[in-house]
Every structure is written in C-alpha cells, then in structure tokens.
Amino acid sequence: MVEKLKNAMAKGPVKFTYLKKDGSTREAIGTRNSQILEEVGYEYKGNGVEKAGVVSYWDMEKSSWRACREDSIISIEE
C-alpha cells in the first residue's frame, strides 16, 4: 500500500487515512508532485534522503510538510 500511495502522490494530490501516534485517525490530502510544490511556492532545501519507514508528504490543507509511518496507513481513496 505504501508504494501505491507514494506513486499516486507523485502524480498529484491523494486523499488517504492513517493512524496517528495518539491512536486517532487522520484524513489527509497530500502530494509529492514537484510541479504542484513549485506552484505553491515550496523551495526544496533538504538533502533528498527519506527516513526509513516514514512517508513524507506536502499537506494540501495545511500547506506544510507532514509525515506518517508506513505501517500506519489505513486507506487510500481513488
């Protein structure tokens, strides 16, 4: 499911749900699409290395980077 989510977010915004550390669920709309990131004015400043076991994404609603654990993903809307 993780690769499916990453591939979908590379193409554009994706709505998905995951379990947070506190046990609550979070519905998010996220992307990793570079064209969309440029449009929102994000300028990449990192080293491009991702933390193992974590999915990073640009939260379209909060206009900020967020992350969730790979094993916490519950569903992906298509």
N, C-alpha and C. Protein backbone atom coordinates (compact mmCIF):
# COMPACT_ATOMS: atom_id res chain seq x y z
N MET A 1 0.82 -1.19 0.00
CA MET A 1 0.00 0.00 0.00
C MET A 1 0.87 1.26 0.00
N VAL A 2 2.05 1.18 0.61
CA VAL A 2 2.94 2.34 0.70
C VAL A 2 3.40 2.79 -0.68
N GLU A 3 3.83 1.84 -1.50
CA GLU A 3 4.30 2.21 -2.84
C GLU A 3 3.17 2.78 -3.67
N LYS A 4 1.97 2.24 -3.51
CA LYS A 4 0.80 2.75 -4.21
C LYS A 4 0.55 4.21 -3.83
N LEU A 5 0.65 4.52 -2.53
CA LEU A 5 0.45 5.88 -2.06
C LEU A 5 1.53 6.81 -2.59
N LYS A 6 2.78 6.40 -2.51
CA LYS A 6 3.87 7.23 -3.00
C LYS A 6 3.76 7.51 -4.49
N ASN A 7 3.42 6.47 -5.26
CA ASN A 7 3.26 6.63 -6.71
C ASN A 7 2.11 7.57 -7.04
N ALA A 8 1.00 7.42 -6.32
CA ALA A 8 -0.15 8.30 -6.56
C ALA A 8 0.18 9.74 -6.20
N MET A 9 0.87 9.97 -5.08
CA MET A 9 1.22 11.33 -4.67
C MET A 9 2.23 11.97 -5.60
N ALA A 10 3.03 11.16 -6.29
CA ALA A 10 3.98 11.70 -7.26
C ALA A 10 3.24 12.30 -8.46
N LYS A 11 2.02 11.80 -8.70
CA LYS A 11 1.22 12.29 -9.83
C LYS A 11 0.36 13.49 -9.46
N GLY A 12 -0.04 13.58 -8.18
CA GLY A 12 -0.91 14.67 -7.76
C GLY A 12 -1.46 14.43 -6.37
N PRO A 13 -2.39 15.28 -5.93
CA PRO A 13 -2.96 15.14 -4.59
C PRO A 13 -3.74 13.84 -4.41
N VAL A 14 -3.60 13.24 -3.24
CA VAL A 14 -4.26 11.99 -2.91
C VAL A 14 -4.87 12.10 -1.52
N LYS A 15 -6.10 11.64 -1.38
CA LYS A 15 -6.75 11.61 -0.07
C LYS A 15 -6.48 10.23 0.54
N PHE A 16 -5.96 10.23 1.76
CA PHE A 16 -5.66 8.96 2.43
C PHE A 16 -5.87 9.12 3.93
N THR A 17 -5.94 7.99 4.61
CA THR A 17 -6.18 7.98 6.05
C THR A 17 -5.08 7.17 6.72
N TYR A 18 -4.63 7.67 7.86
CA TYR A 18 -3.63 6.91 8.62
C TYR A 18 -3.89 7.06 10.12
N LEU A 19 -3.29 6.17 10.88
CA LEU A 19 -3.43 6.14 12.33
C LEU A 19 -2.29 6.95 12.94
N LYS A 20 -2.63 7.95 13.73
CA LYS A 20 -1.63 8.79 14.37
C LYS A 20 -1.08 8.09 15.62
N LYS A 21 0.04 8.58 16.12
CA LYS A 21 0.67 8.00 17.31
C LYS A 21 -0.26 7.98 18.52
N ASP A 22 -1.15 8.98 18.61
CA ASP A 22 -2.05 9.05 19.77
C ASP A 22 -3.26 8.13 19.63
N GLY A 23 -3.33 7.37 18.53
CA GLY A 23 -4.42 6.42 18.33
C GLY A 23 -5.58 6.96 17.53
N SER A 24 -5.61 8.26 17.27
CA SER A 24 -6.67 8.84 16.45
C SER A 24 -6.34 8.66 14.97
N THR A 25 -7.36 8.78 14.13
CA THR A 25 -7.12 8.68 12.70
C THR A 25 -7.05 10.08 12.10
N ARG A 26 -6.33 10.17 11.01
CA ARG A 26 -6.16 11.46 10.32
C ARG A 26 -6.44 11.25 8.86
N GLU A 27 -7.35 12.03 8.32
CA GLU A 27 -7.59 12.06 6.88
C GLU A 27 -6.75 13.20 6.33
N ALA A 28 -5.98 12.91 5.31
CA ALA A 28 -5.10 13.93 4.75
C ALA A 28 -5.23 13.95 3.24
N ILE A 29 -4.92 15.10 2.67
CA ILE A 29 -4.79 15.23 1.22
C ILE A 29 -3.35 15.68 1.00
N GLY A 30 -2.56 14.78 0.44
CA GLY A 30 -1.14 15.07 0.30
C GLY A 30 -0.63 14.83 -1.10
N THR A 31 0.52 15.43 -1.38
CA THR A 31 1.17 15.25 -2.67
C THR A 31 2.68 15.25 -2.50
N ARG A 32 3.34 14.72 -3.51
CA ARG A 32 4.80 14.77 -3.62
C ARG A 32 5.16 15.22 -5.04
N ASN A 33 4.18 15.76 -5.74
CA ASN A 33 4.35 16.18 -7.13
C ASN A 33 5.15 17.48 -7.18
N SER A 34 6.29 17.46 -7.85
CA SER A 34 7.18 18.62 -7.87
C SER A 34 6.55 19.84 -8.54
N GLN A 35 5.73 19.64 -9.55
CA GLN A 35 5.09 20.77 -10.23
C GLN A 35 4.12 21.48 -9.28
N ILE A 36 3.35 20.71 -8.53
CA ILE A 36 2.42 21.31 -7.56
C ILE A 36 3.19 22.03 -6.46
N LEU A 37 4.29 21.44 -6.01
CA LEU A 37 5.11 22.08 -4.97
C LEU A 37 5.67 23.42 -5.46
N GLU A 38 6.08 23.47 -6.71
CA GLU A 38 6.56 24.73 -7.28
C GLU A 38 5.44 25.77 -7.33
N GLU A 39 4.24 25.32 -7.69
CA GLU A 39 3.09 26.23 -7.80
C GLU A 39 2.72 26.84 -6.45
N VAL A 40 2.89 26.08 -5.37
CA VAL A 40 2.56 26.62 -4.04
C VAL A 40 3.73 27.39 -3.43
N GLY A 41 4.83 27.48 -4.18
CA GLY A 41 5.96 28.29 -3.73
C GLY A 41 6.96 27.57 -2.84
N TYR A 42 6.88 26.24 -2.78
CA TYR A 42 7.83 25.50 -1.96
C TYR A 42 9.17 25.41 -2.67
N GLU A 43 10.22 25.73 -1.96
CA GLU A 43 11.57 25.64 -2.50
C GLU A 43 12.32 24.59 -1.71
N TYR A 44 12.72 23.49 -2.36
CA TYR A 44 13.36 22.38 -1.67
C TYR A 44 14.73 22.78 -1.15
N LYS A 45 14.98 22.47 0.13
CA LYS A 45 16.26 22.84 0.74
C LYS A 45 16.95 21.66 1.42
N GLY A 46 16.36 20.48 1.35
CA GLY A 46 16.91 19.32 2.06
C GLY A 46 17.89 18.53 1.23
N ASN A 47 18.24 17.35 1.74
CA ASN A 47 19.21 16.51 1.05
C ASN A 47 18.55 15.39 0.25
N GLY A 48 17.22 15.31 0.26
CA GLY A 48 16.51 14.31 -0.53
C GLY A 48 16.48 12.93 0.08
N VAL A 49 16.99 12.76 1.28
CA VAL A 49 17.01 11.46 1.93
C VAL A 49 15.79 11.32 2.83
N GLU A 50 15.06 10.24 2.63
CA GLU A 50 13.87 10.00 3.45
C GLU A 50 14.22 9.06 4.60
N LYS A 51 13.52 9.23 5.68
CA LYS A 51 13.68 8.38 6.84
C LYS A 51 13.01 7.04 6.55
N ALA A 52 13.68 5.94 6.85
CA ALA A 52 13.12 4.61 6.62
C ALA A 52 11.84 4.41 7.43
N GLY A 53 10.83 3.84 6.78
CA GLY A 53 9.59 3.55 7.46
C GLY A 53 8.62 4.71 7.58
N VAL A 54 8.95 5.84 6.91
CA VAL A 54 8.14 7.05 7.01
C VAL A 54 7.78 7.56 5.62
N VAL A 55 6.55 8.02 5.46
CA VAL A 55 6.11 8.64 4.21
C VAL A 55 5.97 10.14 4.45
N SER A 56 6.75 10.93 3.74
CA SER A 56 6.65 12.39 3.83
C SER A 56 5.74 12.88 2.72
N TYR A 57 4.95 13.92 3.01
CA TYR A 57 4.06 14.45 2.00
C TYR A 57 3.77 15.92 2.29
N TRP A 58 3.43 16.66 1.23
CA TRP A 58 3.01 18.05 1.36
C TRP A 58 1.51 18.04 1.64
N ASP A 59 1.11 18.54 2.79
CA ASP A 59 -0.29 18.57 3.18
C ASP A 59 -0.96 19.73 2.46
N MET A 60 -1.88 19.42 1.57
CA MET A 60 -2.55 20.42 0.74
C MET A 60 -3.44 21.34 1.57
N GLU A 61 -3.94 20.86 2.70
CA GLU A 61 -4.82 21.67 3.54
C GLU A 61 -4.04 22.55 4.51
N LYS A 62 -2.92 22.07 5.00
CA LYS A 62 -2.14 22.81 5.99
C LYS A 62 -0.96 23.57 5.37
N SER A 63 -0.72 23.35 4.07
CA SER A 63 0.39 23.99 3.35
C SER A 63 1.71 23.82 4.10
N SER A 64 2.00 22.56 4.42
CA SER A 64 3.19 22.26 5.18
C SER A 64 3.57 20.79 4.97
N TRP A 65 4.83 20.46 5.18
CA TRP A 65 5.26 19.07 5.11
C TRP A 65 4.76 18.33 6.34
N ARG A 66 4.31 17.13 6.14
CA ARG A 66 3.87 16.23 7.20
C ARG A 66 4.45 14.84 6.90
N ALA A 67 4.33 13.95 7.86
CA ALA A 67 4.81 12.59 7.67
C ALA A 67 3.97 11.62 8.49
N CYS A 68 3.94 10.39 8.02
CA CYS A 68 3.27 9.33 8.78
C CYS A 68 4.10 8.06 8.63
N ARG A 69 3.93 7.16 9.57
CA ARG A 69 4.63 5.88 9.50
C ARG A 69 4.01 5.02 8.40
N GLU A 70 4.84 4.31 7.68
CA GLU A 70 4.35 3.46 6.60
C GLU A 70 3.35 2.42 7.08
N ASP A 71 3.57 1.88 8.27
CA ASP A 71 2.69 0.83 8.78
C ASP A 71 1.40 1.36 9.38
N SER A 72 1.21 2.70 9.36
CA SER A 72 0.01 3.28 9.93
C SER A 72 -1.05 3.64 8.88
N ILE A 73 -0.73 3.45 7.61
CA ILE A 73 -1.67 3.81 6.55
C ILE A 73 -2.85 2.85 6.55
N ILE A 74 -4.05 3.42 6.62
CA ILE A 74 -5.28 2.63 6.70
C ILE A 74 -5.92 2.48 5.33
N SER A 75 -6.06 3.60 4.60
CA SER A 75 -6.73 3.53 3.30
C SER A 75 -6.27 4.66 2.40
N ILE A 76 -6.46 4.43 1.10
CA ILE A 76 -6.15 5.41 0.05
C ILE A 76 -7.40 5.53 -0.81
N GLU A 77 -7.89 6.76 -0.98
CA GLU A 77 -9.06 6.97 -1.85
C GLU A 77 -8.60 7.08 -3.30
N GLU A 78 -9.37 6.46 -4.16
CA GLU A 78 -9.02 6.53 -5.58
C GLU A 78 -10.10 7.23 -6.35
